[in-house]
Amino acid sequence: MKSAVSKSLPVLAALFVVAGVLHFVFPAMYLTVMPPQLPFPLTLVYVSGALGIACGLGILHPRTRRIAGIGLMLLLLAMWPANFQMLFN
């Protein structure tokens, strides 16, 4: 019997991978929530999308799960300013 964690990992990975792909498909949507003080907003959208894809895939393999999980935590922390910008606009 699979544990709840092993059952949820593919779902979590899919969420981050899909969100990362959406950064490339609809970058304008993400640019609207980018804080104006940050430099190179389009580059930051693409970098965050690529990191979301990489870390989302990384949590699927046991050897990369820990570092990918740390990467996702750091990515989510880095995206807080965009979330606050979205809240106030």
N, C-alpha and C. Protein backbone atom coordinates (compact mmCIF):
# COMPACT_ATOMS: atom_id res chain seq x y z
N MET A 1 0.84 -1.19 0.00
CA MET A 1 0.00 0.00 0.00
C MET A 1 0.88 1.25 0.00
N LYS A 2 0.57 2.18 -0.87
CA LYS A 2 1.35 3.41 -0.96
C LYS A 2 0.97 4.37 0.16
N SER A 3 1.97 5.11 0.62
CA SER A 3 1.70 6.13 1.63
C SER A 3 1.03 7.33 1.00
N ALA A 4 0.45 8.16 1.84
CA ALA A 4 -0.21 9.37 1.34
C ALA A 4 0.78 10.29 0.65
N VAL A 5 2.01 10.33 1.15
CA VAL A 5 3.03 11.19 0.54
C VAL A 5 3.36 10.70 -0.86
N SER A 6 3.57 9.40 -1.02
CA SER A 6 3.94 8.89 -2.34
C SER A 6 2.78 9.02 -3.32
N LYS A 7 1.55 9.01 -2.83
CA LYS A 7 0.40 9.22 -3.70
C LYS A 7 0.26 10.68 -4.11
N SER A 8 0.63 11.59 -3.23
CA SER A 8 0.45 13.01 -3.51
C SER A 8 1.59 13.63 -4.30
N LEU A 9 2.76 13.00 -4.32
CA LEU A 9 3.91 13.58 -5.03
C LEU A 9 3.64 13.81 -6.51
N PRO A 10 3.05 12.86 -7.24
CA PRO A 10 2.78 13.13 -8.66
C PRO A 10 1.82 14.30 -8.86
N VAL A 11 0.87 14.44 -7.96
CA VAL A 11 -0.09 15.55 -8.08
C VAL A 11 0.62 16.88 -7.83
N LEU A 12 1.42 16.92 -6.79
CA LEU A 12 2.18 18.14 -6.48
C LEU A 12 3.14 18.48 -7.61
N ALA A 13 3.82 17.47 -8.12
CA ALA A 13 4.75 17.69 -9.23
C ALA A 13 4.01 18.24 -10.45
N ALA A 14 2.86 17.66 -10.75
CA ALA A 14 2.08 18.11 -11.91
C ALA A 14 1.65 19.56 -11.74
N LEU A 15 1.26 19.94 -10.54
CA LEU A 15 0.85 21.33 -10.30
C LEU A 15 1.98 22.30 -10.58
N PHE A 16 3.17 21.98 -10.09
CA PHE A 16 4.30 22.89 -10.31
C PHE A 16 4.76 22.88 -11.76
N VAL A 17 4.74 21.72 -12.40
CA VAL A 17 5.16 21.66 -13.81
C VAL A 17 4.17 22.43 -14.68
N VAL A 18 2.88 22.24 -14.46
CA VAL A 18 1.88 22.96 -15.26
C VAL A 18 2.00 24.47 -15.01
N ALA A 19 2.15 24.85 -13.76
CA ALA A 19 2.31 26.28 -13.46
C ALA A 19 3.56 26.84 -14.13
N GLY A 20 4.64 26.06 -14.12
CA GLY A 20 5.86 26.51 -14.78
C GLY A 20 5.69 26.66 -16.28
N VAL A 21 5.01 25.72 -16.90
CA VAL A 21 4.76 25.80 -18.34
C VAL A 21 3.90 27.02 -18.66
N LEU A 22 2.94 27.31 -17.80
CA LEU A 22 2.08 28.47 -18.03
C LEU A 22 2.86 29.78 -18.01
N HIS A 23 3.99 29.81 -17.29
CA HIS A 23 4.85 31.00 -17.31
C HIS A 23 5.37 31.29 -18.72
N PHE A 24 5.57 30.24 -19.49
CA PHE A 24 6.08 30.40 -20.86
C PHE A 24 4.95 30.61 -21.86
N VAL A 25 3.81 30.01 -21.61
CA VAL A 25 2.68 30.10 -22.54
C VAL A 25 1.96 31.44 -22.42
N PHE A 26 1.78 31.91 -21.18
CA PHE A 26 1.06 33.16 -20.91
C PHE A 26 1.90 34.10 -20.04
N PRO A 27 3.07 34.52 -20.51
CA PRO A 27 3.91 35.36 -19.64
C PRO A 27 3.27 36.69 -19.29
N ALA A 28 2.42 37.23 -20.14
CA ALA A 28 1.79 38.52 -19.86
C ALA A 28 0.95 38.46 -18.58
N MET A 29 0.33 37.32 -18.34
CA MET A 29 -0.48 37.16 -17.13
C MET A 29 0.39 37.30 -15.88
N TYR A 30 1.60 36.76 -15.94
CA TYR A 30 2.50 36.83 -14.79
C TYR A 30 3.17 38.20 -14.69
N LEU A 31 3.36 38.87 -15.81
CA LEU A 31 3.95 40.20 -15.78
C LEU A 31 3.05 41.21 -15.07
N THR A 32 1.74 40.99 -15.11
CA THR A 32 0.82 41.93 -14.46
C THR A 32 0.94 41.91 -12.94
N VAL A 33 1.46 40.83 -12.38
CA VAL A 33 1.60 40.75 -10.92
C VAL A 33 3.03 40.96 -10.46
N MET A 34 3.92 41.22 -11.40
CA MET A 34 5.32 41.45 -11.06
C MET A 34 5.47 42.83 -10.41
N PRO A 35 6.07 42.90 -9.22
CA PRO A 35 6.28 44.21 -8.60
C PRO A 35 7.13 45.11 -9.51
N PRO A 36 6.75 46.36 -9.66
CA PRO A 36 7.44 47.25 -10.60
C PRO A 36 8.89 47.53 -10.21
N GLN A 37 9.26 47.32 -8.95
CA GLN A 37 10.62 47.61 -8.51
C GLN A 37 11.62 46.56 -8.99
N LEU A 38 11.15 45.39 -9.38
CA LEU A 38 12.07 44.33 -9.77
C LEU A 38 12.57 44.53 -11.20
N PRO A 39 13.87 44.34 -11.41
CA PRO A 39 14.42 44.51 -12.76
C PRO A 39 14.14 43.28 -13.63
N PHE A 40 14.13 43.46 -14.92
CA PHE A 40 13.99 42.38 -15.90
C PHE A 40 12.80 41.48 -15.61
N PRO A 41 11.59 42.04 -15.59
CA PRO A 41 10.41 41.25 -15.20
C PRO A 41 10.15 40.03 -16.08
N LEU A 42 10.33 40.15 -17.39
CA LEU A 42 10.07 39.00 -18.25
C LEU A 42 11.08 37.88 -17.98
N THR A 43 12.31 38.25 -17.76
CA THR A 43 13.33 37.25 -17.43
C THR A 43 12.99 36.54 -16.13
N LEU A 44 12.52 37.30 -15.16
CA LEU A 44 12.15 36.70 -13.88
C LEU A 44 10.95 35.75 -14.03
N VAL A 45 10.02 36.10 -14.89
CA VAL A 45 8.89 35.21 -15.15
C VAL A 45 9.39 33.90 -15.74
N TYR A 46 10.27 33.99 -16.72
CA TYR A 46 10.79 32.77 -17.36
C TYR A 46 11.64 31.94 -16.40
N VAL A 47 12.46 32.61 -15.60
CA VAL A 47 13.31 31.89 -14.65
C VAL A 47 12.44 31.17 -13.61
N SER A 48 11.44 31.86 -13.10
CA SER A 48 10.58 31.21 -12.10
C SER A 48 9.79 30.06 -12.73
N GLY A 49 9.40 30.19 -13.98
CA GLY A 49 8.72 29.09 -14.66
C GLY A 49 9.64 27.89 -14.84
N ALA A 50 10.87 28.15 -15.27
CA ALA A 50 11.84 27.06 -15.45
C ALA A 50 12.16 26.36 -14.14
N LEU A 51 12.31 27.16 -13.07
CA LEU A 51 12.58 26.56 -11.77
C LEU A 51 11.40 25.74 -11.26
N GLY A 52 10.19 26.22 -11.52
CA GLY A 52 9.00 25.46 -11.13
C GLY A 52 8.94 24.12 -11.84
N ILE A 53 9.25 24.12 -13.13
CA ILE A 53 9.27 22.87 -13.89
C ILE A 53 10.36 21.94 -13.37
N ALA A 54 11.57 22.46 -13.22
CA ALA A 54 12.69 21.64 -12.77
C ALA A 54 12.46 21.05 -11.38
N CYS A 55 12.01 21.87 -10.46
CA CYS A 55 11.78 21.38 -9.10
C CYS A 55 10.57 20.47 -9.03
N GLY A 56 9.55 20.77 -9.82
CA GLY A 56 8.39 19.89 -9.87
C GLY A 56 8.77 18.50 -10.33
N LEU A 57 9.60 18.43 -11.36
CA LEU A 57 10.08 17.12 -11.82
C LEU A 57 11.04 16.51 -10.81
N GLY A 58 11.83 17.35 -10.16
CA GLY A 58 12.82 16.87 -9.20
C GLY A 58 12.23 16.17 -7.99
N ILE A 59 11.04 16.57 -7.57
CA ILE A 59 10.46 15.91 -6.39
C ILE A 59 9.96 14.50 -6.69
N LEU A 60 9.92 14.13 -7.94
CA LEU A 60 9.45 12.79 -8.30
C LEU A 60 10.51 11.71 -8.07
N HIS A 61 11.77 12.06 -8.11
CA HIS A 61 12.84 11.08 -7.96
C HIS A 61 13.42 11.16 -6.55
N PRO A 62 13.56 10.02 -5.88
CA PRO A 62 14.06 10.04 -4.50
C PRO A 62 15.42 10.71 -4.33
N ARG A 63 16.30 10.58 -5.33
CA ARG A 63 17.64 11.15 -5.18
C ARG A 63 17.65 12.68 -5.26
N THR A 64 16.66 13.26 -5.93
CA THR A 64 16.62 14.72 -6.07
C THR A 64 15.49 15.36 -5.27
N ARG A 65 14.73 14.55 -4.58
CA ARG A 65 13.53 15.06 -3.89
C ARG A 65 13.87 16.12 -2.85
N ARG A 66 14.89 15.89 -2.06
CA ARG A 66 15.21 16.84 -0.98
C ARG A 66 15.64 18.20 -1.54
N ILE A 67 16.56 18.20 -2.48
CA ILE A 67 17.03 19.48 -3.03
C ILE A 67 15.92 20.16 -3.82
N ALA A 68 15.10 19.38 -4.52
CA ALA A 68 13.99 19.97 -5.27
C ALA A 68 12.97 20.57 -4.30
N GLY A 69 12.74 19.91 -3.18
CA GLY A 69 11.82 20.44 -2.18
C GLY A 69 12.32 21.75 -1.59
N ILE A 70 13.61 21.79 -1.32
CA ILE A 70 14.22 23.03 -0.82
C ILE A 70 14.10 24.12 -1.88
N GLY A 71 14.35 23.75 -3.13
CA GLY A 71 14.21 24.70 -4.23
C GLY A 71 12.80 25.24 -4.35
N LEU A 72 11.80 24.37 -4.18
CA LEU A 72 10.41 24.83 -4.24
C LEU A 72 10.08 25.77 -3.09
N MET A 73 10.60 25.47 -1.91
CA MET A 73 10.36 26.37 -0.77
C MET A 73 10.96 27.75 -1.05
N LEU A 74 12.18 27.78 -1.57
CA LEU A 74 12.83 29.05 -1.87
C LEU A 74 12.10 29.78 -3.00
N LEU A 75 11.64 29.03 -3.99
CA LEU A 75 10.89 29.64 -5.09
C LEU A 75 9.60 30.27 -4.59
N LEU A 76 8.90 29.55 -3.73
CA LEU A 76 7.65 30.09 -3.18
C LEU A 76 7.90 31.34 -2.34
N LEU A 77 8.99 31.34 -1.58
CA LEU A 77 9.34 32.54 -0.81
C LEU A 77 9.68 33.70 -1.73
N ALA A 78 10.40 33.41 -2.81
CA ALA A 78 10.77 34.47 -3.74
C ALA A 78 9.56 35.04 -4.47
N MET A 79 8.51 34.26 -4.58
CA MET A 79 7.31 34.73 -5.29
C MET A 79 6.35 35.50 -4.39
N TRP A 80 6.63 35.61 -3.10
CA TRP A 80 5.76 36.37 -2.20
C TRP A 80 5.53 37.80 -2.67
N PRO A 81 6.58 38.52 -3.11
CA PRO A 81 6.33 39.90 -3.56
C PRO A 81 5.30 39.98 -4.70
N ALA A 82 5.34 39.03 -5.62
CA ALA A 82 4.36 39.03 -6.71
C ALA A 82 2.96 38.76 -6.18
N ASN A 83 2.87 37.88 -5.19
CA ASN A 83 1.55 37.61 -4.60
C ASN A 83 0.99 38.82 -3.89
N PHE A 84 1.84 39.56 -3.19
CA PHE A 84 1.37 40.79 -2.54
C PHE A 84 1.00 41.84 -3.58
N GLN A 85 1.78 41.93 -4.64
CA GLN A 85 1.46 42.87 -5.71
C GLN A 85 0.09 42.55 -6.31
N MET A 86 -0.19 41.29 -6.51
CA MET A 86 -1.47 40.86 -7.06
C MET A 86 -2.60 41.21 -6.09
N LEU A 87 -2.35 41.06 -4.80
CA LEU A 87 -3.35 41.37 -3.79
C LEU A 87 -3.74 42.86 -3.81
N PHE A 88 -2.75 43.72 -4.00
CA PHE A 88 -3.00 45.15 -3.92
C PHE A 88 -3.41 45.79 -5.24
N ASN A 89 -3.32 45.07 -6.32
CA ASN A 89 -3.75 45.64 -7.62
C ASN A 89 -5.10 45.15 -8.00
